[in-house]
């Protein structure tokens, strides 16, 4: 058996629509053509430093709350930052934001923290703005598929 990779998805999904987005990312990542990637999906309170240290790539998902990431996603960073700081440099990641407004503050905050961690943004983040649309689901599924396929192919 080939060396399997682990894709970690940590997403806060407090509403039916954000749950649909998280499920779409997972569905894409678990596509039948992906052969050597195991996908783990955790809610923010379940995710700890050991989960991040064990993964080969990570996708973060958050709603925009008052122009910032959800507090539970910030909590993951707070609890894991120092344990991961010197051990996860270069970790491939991407993220999606369910933004009722513009998502700029949320994106800026995630990029600032991950820059401090020296993680490597490998796919343009999704900022899903405005009223919920069905195409958000397809975009999230594509994000999951792209990340998993890149990991499977050894590109990231």
N, C-alpha and C. Protein backbone atom coordinates (compact mmCIF):
# COMPACT_ATOMS: atom_id res chain seq x y z
N UNK A 1 0.85 -1.19 0.00
CA UNK A 1 0.00 0.00 0.00
C UNK A 1 0.89 1.25 0.00
N UNK A 2 0.47 2.23 -0.72
CA UNK A 2 1.20 3.48 -0.81
C UNK A 2 1.11 4.25 0.51
N UNK A 3 2.00 5.21 0.65
CA UNK A 3 1.99 6.06 1.82
C UNK A 3 0.76 6.98 1.77
N UNK A 4 -0.15 6.79 2.69
CA UNK A 4 -1.38 7.57 2.70
C UNK A 4 -1.14 8.94 3.34
N UNK A 5 -1.85 9.91 2.83
CA UNK A 5 -1.78 11.29 3.34
C UNK A 5 -3.07 11.59 4.08
N UNK A 6 -3.00 12.56 4.97
CA UNK A 6 -4.19 12.95 5.72
C UNK A 6 -4.54 14.41 5.45
N UNK A 7 -5.77 14.61 5.02
CA UNK A 7 -6.33 15.94 4.84
C UNK A 7 -7.27 16.20 6.01
N UNK A 8 -7.00 17.26 6.74
CA UNK A 8 -7.83 17.63 7.88
C UNK A 8 -8.73 18.79 7.48
N UNK A 9 -10.00 18.67 7.80
CA UNK A 9 -10.96 19.74 7.60
C UNK A 9 -11.46 20.15 8.97
N UNK A 10 -11.22 21.40 9.32
CA UNK A 10 -11.71 21.95 10.59
C UNK A 10 -12.65 23.09 10.21
N UNK A 11 -13.93 22.88 10.48
CA UNK A 11 -14.92 23.86 10.05
C UNK A 11 -15.99 24.06 11.11
N UNK A 12 -16.31 25.32 11.31
CA UNK A 12 -17.41 25.67 12.22
C UNK A 12 -18.68 25.76 11.38
N UNK A 13 -19.66 24.95 11.71
CA UNK A 13 -20.89 24.85 10.93
C UNK A 13 -22.11 25.00 11.83
N UNK A 14 -22.39 26.22 12.30
CA UNK A 14 -23.48 26.40 13.26
C UNK A 14 -24.87 26.50 12.64
N UNK A 15 -24.97 26.52 11.32
CA UNK A 15 -26.28 26.66 10.68
C UNK A 15 -26.45 25.59 9.61
N UNK A 16 -27.67 25.37 9.15
CA UNK A 16 -27.86 24.39 8.08
C UNK A 16 -27.05 24.72 6.82
N UNK A 17 -26.93 25.99 6.47
CA UNK A 17 -26.17 26.36 5.28
C UNK A 17 -24.67 26.14 5.46
N UNK A 18 -24.12 26.49 6.62
CA UNK A 18 -22.69 26.25 6.82
C UNK A 18 -22.40 24.76 6.92
N UNK A 19 -23.35 24.00 7.41
CA UNK A 19 -23.20 22.54 7.43
C UNK A 19 -23.16 21.99 6.00
N UNK A 20 -24.00 22.52 5.12
CA UNK A 20 -23.99 22.11 3.71
C UNK A 20 -22.62 22.39 3.09
N UNK A 21 -22.01 23.51 3.45
CA UNK A 21 -20.70 23.85 2.90
C UNK A 21 -19.63 22.88 3.40
N UNK A 22 -19.65 22.61 4.70
CA UNK A 22 -18.67 21.66 5.24
C UNK A 22 -18.84 20.28 4.62
N UNK A 23 -20.06 19.83 4.47
CA UNK A 23 -20.32 18.53 3.85
C UNK A 23 -19.86 18.51 2.39
N UNK A 24 -20.00 19.63 1.69
CA UNK A 24 -19.56 19.71 0.30
C UNK A 24 -18.04 19.61 0.20
N UNK A 25 -17.33 20.28 1.10
CA UNK A 25 -15.86 20.17 1.11
C UNK A 25 -15.46 18.71 1.35
N UNK A 26 -16.09 18.08 2.32
CA UNK A 26 -15.79 16.68 2.61
C UNK A 26 -16.13 15.78 1.41
N UNK A 27 -17.26 16.00 0.81
CA UNK A 27 -17.67 15.19 -0.35
C UNK A 27 -16.64 15.30 -1.47
N UNK A 28 -16.19 16.51 -1.75
CA UNK A 28 -15.17 16.70 -2.78
C UNK A 28 -13.87 16.01 -2.43
N UNK A 29 -13.46 16.14 -1.17
CA UNK A 29 -12.20 15.54 -0.72
C UNK A 29 -12.25 14.02 -0.75
N UNK A 30 -13.44 13.47 -0.61
CA UNK A 30 -13.61 12.01 -0.59
C UNK A 30 -14.00 11.44 -1.96
N UNK A 31 -13.77 12.20 -2.99
CA UNK A 31 -14.12 11.76 -4.35
C UNK A 31 -13.52 10.39 -4.64
N UNK A 32 -14.24 9.58 -5.37
CA UNK A 32 -13.82 8.19 -5.64
C UNK A 32 -12.48 8.08 -6.37
N UNK A 33 -12.06 9.12 -7.07
CA UNK A 33 -10.78 9.07 -7.78
C UNK A 33 -9.58 9.36 -6.88
N UNK A 34 -9.82 9.81 -5.67
CA UNK A 34 -8.74 10.08 -4.72
C UNK A 34 -8.39 8.77 -4.05
N UNK A 35 -7.15 8.32 -4.22
CA UNK A 35 -6.79 6.97 -3.78
C UNK A 35 -6.03 6.91 -2.46
N UNK A 36 -5.17 7.87 -2.19
CA UNK A 36 -4.26 7.74 -1.05
C UNK A 36 -4.38 8.87 -0.04
N UNK A 37 -5.59 9.36 0.12
CA UNK A 37 -5.83 10.45 1.07
C UNK A 37 -6.96 10.05 2.01
N UNK A 38 -6.67 10.13 3.29
CA UNK A 38 -7.70 9.94 4.31
C UNK A 38 -8.17 11.33 4.73
N UNK A 39 -9.47 11.50 4.84
CA UNK A 39 -10.06 12.79 5.18
C UNK A 39 -10.62 12.70 6.59
N UNK A 40 -10.25 13.67 7.39
CA UNK A 40 -10.79 13.79 8.75
C UNK A 40 -11.49 15.11 8.87
N UNK A 41 -12.70 15.09 9.39
CA UNK A 41 -13.48 16.31 9.57
C UNK A 41 -13.73 16.50 11.06
N UNK A 42 -13.34 17.65 11.56
CA UNK A 42 -13.52 17.94 12.98
C UNK A 42 -14.20 19.29 13.17
N UNK A 43 -15.06 19.35 14.17
CA UNK A 43 -15.58 20.63 14.63
C UNK A 43 -14.45 21.31 15.40
N UNK A 44 -14.47 22.64 15.48
CA UNK A 44 -13.36 23.34 16.14
C UNK A 44 -13.05 22.86 17.56
N UNK A 45 -14.07 22.57 18.36
CA UNK A 45 -13.80 22.14 19.73
C UNK A 45 -13.19 20.74 19.81
N UNK A 46 -13.28 19.97 18.73
CA UNK A 46 -12.67 18.63 18.69
C UNK A 46 -11.22 18.68 18.24
N UNK A 47 -10.82 19.76 17.57
CA UNK A 47 -9.49 19.84 16.96
C UNK A 47 -8.46 20.34 17.96
N UNK A 48 -7.38 19.61 18.05
CA UNK A 48 -6.27 20.01 18.92
C UNK A 48 -4.97 20.00 18.16
N UNK A 49 -3.90 20.38 18.83
CA UNK A 49 -2.60 20.43 18.15
C UNK A 49 -2.19 19.09 17.57
N UNK A 50 -2.53 18.00 18.24
CA UNK A 50 -2.15 16.67 17.75
C UNK A 50 -2.80 16.39 16.39
N UNK A 51 -3.98 16.92 16.15
CA UNK A 51 -4.66 16.72 14.87
C UNK A 51 -3.95 17.48 13.75
N UNK A 52 -3.56 18.69 14.05
CA UNK A 52 -2.84 19.50 13.06
C UNK A 52 -1.46 18.91 12.80
N UNK A 53 -0.79 18.48 13.84
CA UNK A 53 0.54 17.89 13.67
C UNK A 53 0.50 16.60 12.86
N UNK A 54 -0.63 15.89 12.89
CA UNK A 54 -0.75 14.62 12.20
C UNK A 54 -1.18 14.75 10.74
N UNK A 55 -1.60 15.94 10.32
CA UNK A 55 -2.13 16.06 8.95
C UNK A 55 -1.05 16.52 7.98
N UNK A 56 -1.34 16.28 6.71
CA UNK A 56 -0.44 16.69 5.63
C UNK A 56 -0.94 17.95 4.93
N UNK A 57 -2.19 18.31 5.15
CA UNK A 57 -2.80 19.53 4.62
C UNK A 57 -4.07 19.78 5.42
N UNK A 58 -4.50 21.05 5.41
CA UNK A 58 -5.69 21.41 6.20
C UNK A 58 -6.55 22.41 5.43
N UNK A 59 -7.85 22.23 5.58
CA UNK A 59 -8.83 23.20 5.08
C UNK A 59 -9.60 23.71 6.29
N UNK A 60 -9.67 25.02 6.41
CA UNK A 60 -10.42 25.65 7.49
C UNK A 60 -11.71 26.24 6.92
N UNK A 61 -12.78 26.17 7.70
CA UNK A 61 -14.04 26.75 7.28
C UNK A 61 -14.66 27.55 8.40
N UNK A 62 -15.13 28.74 8.08
CA UNK A 62 -15.71 29.59 9.11
C UNK A 62 -16.77 30.52 8.54
N UNK A 63 -17.79 30.81 9.33
CA UNK A 63 -18.66 31.93 8.95
C UNK A 63 -17.96 33.24 9.35
N UNK A 64 -18.38 34.29 8.71
CA UNK A 64 -17.94 35.63 9.09
C UNK A 64 -18.82 36.09 10.24
N UNK A 65 -18.21 36.44 11.36
CA UNK A 65 -18.95 36.93 12.53
C UNK A 65 -18.45 38.32 12.87
N UNK A 66 -19.29 39.30 12.63
CA UNK A 66 -18.94 40.69 12.92
C UNK A 66 -17.61 41.09 12.26
N UNK A 67 -17.43 40.65 11.02
CA UNK A 67 -16.23 41.01 10.27
C UNK A 67 -15.00 40.22 10.65
N UNK A 68 -15.16 39.09 11.35
CA UNK A 68 -14.03 38.31 11.82
C UNK A 68 -14.39 36.83 11.70
N UNK A 69 -13.40 35.97 11.88
CA UNK A 69 -13.66 34.53 11.88
C UNK A 69 -14.49 34.16 13.12
N UNK A 70 -15.14 33.02 13.06
CA UNK A 70 -15.90 32.54 14.21
C UNK A 70 -14.96 32.36 15.40
N UNK A 71 -15.46 32.66 16.56
CA UNK A 71 -14.65 32.55 17.78
C UNK A 71 -14.10 31.15 17.99
N UNK A 72 -14.83 30.13 17.58
CA UNK A 72 -14.35 28.77 17.77
C UNK A 72 -13.17 28.43 16.85
N UNK A 73 -13.13 29.03 15.66
CA UNK A 73 -11.96 28.85 14.80
C UNK A 73 -10.77 29.60 15.40
N UNK A 74 -11.00 30.78 15.91
CA UNK A 74 -9.92 31.52 16.59
C UNK A 74 -9.42 30.73 17.78
N UNK A 75 -10.33 30.05 18.47
CA UNK A 75 -9.96 29.22 19.61
C UNK A 75 -9.01 28.09 19.19
N UNK A 76 -9.25 27.50 18.02
CA UNK A 76 -8.34 26.45 17.53
C UNK A 76 -6.93 27.03 17.39
N UNK A 77 -6.84 28.20 16.77
CA UNK A 77 -5.52 28.84 16.63
C UNK A 77 -4.91 29.14 18.00
N UNK A 78 -5.71 29.65 18.92
CA UNK A 78 -5.21 29.98 20.26
C UNK A 78 -4.66 28.74 20.97
N UNK A 79 -5.37 27.64 20.87
CA UNK A 79 -4.96 26.42 21.57
C UNK A 79 -3.80 25.70 20.89
N UNK A 80 -3.64 25.90 19.60
CA UNK A 80 -2.68 25.09 18.83
C UNK A 80 -1.44 25.87 18.39
N UNK A 81 -1.49 27.16 18.44
CA UNK A 81 -0.45 28.00 17.84
C UNK A 81 0.96 27.60 18.28
N UNK A 82 1.23 27.64 19.55
CA UNK A 82 2.60 27.41 20.01
C UNK A 82 3.04 25.96 19.87
N UNK A 83 2.11 25.02 20.02
CA UNK A 83 2.48 23.61 19.81
C UNK A 83 2.81 23.33 18.35
N UNK A 84 2.22 24.09 17.44
CA UNK A 84 2.40 23.85 16.01
C UNK A 84 3.44 24.77 15.37
N UNK A 85 3.78 25.84 16.04
CA UNK A 85 4.59 26.91 15.44
C UNK A 85 5.84 26.40 14.73
N UNK A 86 6.66 25.65 15.39
CA UNK A 86 7.93 25.21 14.80
C UNK A 86 7.82 23.85 14.11
N UNK A 87 6.66 23.23 14.18
CA UNK A 87 6.53 21.87 13.66
C UNK A 87 5.68 21.77 12.40
N UNK A 88 4.97 22.85 12.04
CA UNK A 88 4.08 22.76 10.88
C UNK A 88 4.42 23.80 9.81
N UNK A 89 5.62 24.33 9.84
CA UNK A 89 6.00 25.31 8.82
C UNK A 89 5.85 24.69 7.44
N UNK A 90 5.26 25.43 6.55
CA UNK A 90 5.04 24.95 5.19
C UNK A 90 3.79 24.10 5.02
N UNK A 91 3.01 23.92 6.08
CA UNK A 91 1.80 23.10 5.99
C UNK A 91 0.88 23.66 4.91
N UNK A 92 0.54 22.86 3.90
CA UNK A 92 -0.38 23.33 2.86
C UNK A 92 -1.78 23.53 3.44
N UNK A 93 -2.39 24.66 3.10
CA UNK A 93 -3.73 24.92 3.61
C UNK A 93 -4.51 25.79 2.65
N UNK A 94 -5.80 25.79 2.87
CA UNK A 94 -6.70 26.75 2.25
C UNK A 94 -7.87 26.92 3.22
N UNK A 95 -8.78 27.80 2.86
CA UNK A 95 -9.93 28.02 3.74
C UNK A 95 -11.09 28.59 2.95
N UNK A 96 -12.25 28.51 3.59
CA UNK A 96 -13.43 29.15 3.02
C UNK A 96 -14.14 29.94 4.11
N UNK A 97 -14.77 31.02 3.68
CA UNK A 97 -15.48 31.92 4.58
C UNK A 97 -16.89 32.10 4.04
N UNK A 98 -17.86 31.81 4.87
CA UNK A 98 -19.26 32.11 4.53
C UNK A 98 -19.53 33.51 5.04
N UNK A 99 -19.46 34.49 4.12
CA UNK A 99 -19.50 35.90 4.48
C UNK A 99 -20.85 36.52 4.14
N UNK A 100 -21.53 37.01 5.13
CA UNK A 100 -22.75 37.76 4.89
C UNK A 100 -22.46 39.14 4.33
N UNK A 101 -21.26 39.63 4.61
CA UNK A 101 -20.84 40.93 4.09
C UNK A 101 -19.71 40.70 3.09
N UNK A 102 -18.54 41.30 3.32
CA UNK A 102 -17.47 41.17 2.32
C UNK A 102 -16.41 40.12 2.66
N UNK A 103 -16.33 39.68 3.91
CA UNK A 103 -15.37 38.64 4.28
C UNK A 103 -13.93 39.11 4.39
N UNK A 104 -13.67 40.37 4.12
CA UNK A 104 -12.29 40.87 4.08
C UNK A 104 -11.60 40.77 5.45
N UNK A 105 -12.28 41.12 6.51
CA UNK A 105 -11.67 41.06 7.84
C UNK A 105 -11.37 39.63 8.25
N UNK A 106 -12.26 38.72 7.91
CA UNK A 106 -12.06 37.30 8.24
C UNK A 106 -10.87 36.76 7.47
N UNK A 107 -10.82 37.05 6.19
CA UNK A 107 -9.70 36.58 5.37
C UNK A 107 -8.37 37.14 5.90
N UNK A 108 -8.36 38.42 6.18
CA UNK A 108 -7.14 39.07 6.67
C UNK A 108 -6.68 38.43 7.99
N UNK A 109 -7.61 38.15 8.88
CA UNK A 109 -7.25 37.56 10.17
C UNK A 109 -6.67 36.16 10.00
N UNK A 110 -7.30 35.33 9.18
CA UNK A 110 -6.79 33.97 8.96
C UNK A 110 -5.43 34.03 8.29
N UNK A 111 -5.28 34.89 7.30
CA UNK A 111 -3.99 34.99 6.62
C UNK A 111 -2.90 35.51 7.54
N UNK A 112 -3.24 36.39 8.46
CA UNK A 112 -2.26 36.91 9.41
C UNK A 112 -1.77 35.82 10.36
N UNK A 113 -2.69 35.06 10.91
CA UNK A 113 -2.31 33.99 11.84
C UNK A 113 -1.53 32.90 11.13
N UNK A 114 -1.98 32.50 9.95
CA UNK A 114 -1.28 31.43 9.23
C UNK A 114 0.07 31.90 8.70
N UNK A 115 0.21 33.17 8.45
CA UNK A 115 1.53 33.71 8.09
C UNK A 115 2.48 33.56 9.27
N UNK A 116 1.98 33.85 10.46
CA UNK A 116 2.80 33.67 11.66
C UNK A 116 3.20 32.22 11.86
N UNK A 117 2.30 31.31 11.51
CA UNK A 117 2.61 29.87 11.61
C UNK A 117 3.50 29.40 10.45
N UNK A 118 3.61 30.24 9.45
CA UNK A 118 4.37 29.94 8.22
C UNK A 118 3.76 28.78 7.44
N UNK A 119 2.43 28.72 7.47
CA UNK A 119 1.73 27.74 6.63
C UNK A 119 1.74 28.26 5.20
N UNK A 120 1.52 27.38 4.26
CA UNK A 120 1.60 27.70 2.83
C UNK A 120 0.21 27.63 2.21
N UNK A 121 -0.31 28.78 1.80
CA UNK A 121 -1.61 28.85 1.13
C UNK A 121 -1.45 28.27 -0.26
N UNK A 122 -2.12 27.16 -0.53
CA UNK A 122 -1.92 26.45 -1.80
C UNK A 122 -3.10 26.56 -2.75
N UNK A 123 -4.19 27.12 -2.27
CA UNK A 123 -5.34 27.35 -3.14
C UNK A 123 -6.03 28.62 -2.69
N UNK A 124 -6.44 29.41 -3.66
CA UNK A 124 -7.12 30.67 -3.37
C UNK A 124 -8.31 30.39 -2.45
N UNK A 125 -8.39 31.11 -1.33
CA UNK A 125 -9.51 30.90 -0.41
C UNK A 125 -10.84 31.26 -1.08
N UNK A 126 -11.88 30.59 -0.63
CA UNK A 126 -13.23 30.92 -1.08
C UNK A 126 -13.84 31.90 -0.09
N UNK A 127 -14.29 33.02 -0.58
CA UNK A 127 -15.04 33.95 0.24
C UNK A 127 -16.43 34.01 -0.40
N UNK A 128 -17.36 33.35 0.25
CA UNK A 128 -18.71 33.16 -0.27
C UNK A 128 -19.59 34.27 0.27
N UNK A 129 -19.74 35.33 -0.53
CA UNK A 129 -20.36 36.58 -0.08
C UNK A 129 -21.86 36.65 -0.37
N UNK A 130 -22.55 37.40 0.48
CA UNK A 130 -23.94 37.75 0.24
C UNK A 130 -24.91 36.65 0.62
N UNK A 131 -26.08 36.72 0.03
CA UNK A 131 -27.11 35.71 0.30
C UNK A 131 -26.62 34.34 -0.13
N UNK A 132 -27.03 33.31 0.60
CA UNK A 132 -26.61 31.95 0.28
C UNK A 132 -27.10 31.57 -1.11
N UNK A 133 -26.18 30.99 -1.90
CA UNK A 133 -26.51 30.55 -3.26
C UNK A 133 -26.11 29.09 -3.42
N UNK A 134 -26.82 28.39 -4.26
CA UNK A 134 -26.54 26.97 -4.51
C UNK A 134 -25.13 26.75 -5.05
N UNK A 135 -24.59 27.71 -5.81
CA UNK A 135 -23.25 27.51 -6.37
C UNK A 135 -22.16 27.54 -5.29
N UNK A 136 -22.47 28.03 -4.10
CA UNK A 136 -21.50 27.95 -2.99
C UNK A 136 -21.15 26.49 -2.70
N UNK A 137 -22.14 25.62 -2.80
CA UNK A 137 -21.94 24.20 -2.52
C UNK A 137 -20.96 23.61 -3.53
N UNK A 138 -21.17 23.90 -4.80
CA UNK A 138 -20.26 23.40 -5.84
C UNK A 138 -18.85 23.93 -5.66
N UNK A 139 -18.72 25.19 -5.27
CA UNK A 139 -17.40 25.78 -5.05
C UNK A 139 -16.68 25.09 -3.89
N UNK A 140 -17.41 24.78 -2.83
CA UNK A 140 -16.80 24.10 -1.69
C UNK A 140 -16.42 22.67 -2.04
N UNK A 141 -17.25 22.01 -2.82
CA UNK A 141 -16.92 20.65 -3.25
C UNK A 141 -15.65 20.66 -4.09
N UNK A 142 -15.52 21.66 -4.96
CA UNK A 142 -14.32 21.80 -5.79
C UNK A 142 -13.08 22.08 -4.93
N UNK A 143 -13.23 22.88 -3.89
CA UNK A 143 -12.11 23.15 -2.98
C UNK A 143 -11.63 21.85 -2.34
N UNK A 144 -12.54 21.05 -1.82
CA UNK A 144 -12.17 19.78 -1.21
C UNK A 144 -11.52 18.84 -2.21
N UNK A 145 -12.09 18.73 -3.40
CA UNK A 145 -11.53 17.86 -4.44
C UNK A 145 -10.14 18.32 -4.85
N UNK A 146 -9.99 19.59 -5.07
CA UNK A 146 -8.70 20.13 -5.51
C UNK A 146 -7.60 19.89 -4.48
N UNK A 147 -7.92 20.15 -3.22
CA UNK A 147 -6.93 19.94 -2.16
C UNK A 147 -6.56 18.47 -2.05
N UNK A 148 -7.56 17.60 -2.04
CA UNK A 148 -7.29 16.17 -1.90
C UNK A 148 -6.54 15.63 -3.12
N UNK A 149 -6.94 16.05 -4.31
CA UNK A 149 -6.26 15.58 -5.53
C UNK A 149 -4.81 16.05 -5.57
N UNK A 150 -4.57 17.28 -5.14
CA UNK A 150 -3.20 17.80 -5.10
C UNK A 150 -2.35 17.04 -4.09
N UNK A 151 -2.94 16.71 -2.98
CA UNK A 151 -2.24 15.93 -1.96
C UNK A 151 -1.98 14.52 -2.47
N UNK A 152 -2.96 13.92 -3.11
CA UNK A 152 -2.85 12.57 -3.64
C UNK A 152 -1.76 12.50 -4.72
N UNK A 153 -1.65 13.54 -5.53
CA UNK A 153 -0.68 13.57 -6.63
C UNK A 153 0.72 13.99 -6.18
N UNK A 154 0.83 14.41 -4.91
CA UNK A 154 2.13 14.85 -4.41
C UNK A 154 2.50 16.26 -4.84
N UNK A 155 1.52 17.02 -5.30
CA UNK A 155 1.77 18.40 -5.73
C UNK A 155 1.95 19.31 -4.53
N UNK A 156 1.22 19.00 -3.47
CA UNK A 156 1.34 19.81 -2.24
C UNK A 156 1.83 18.92 -1.12
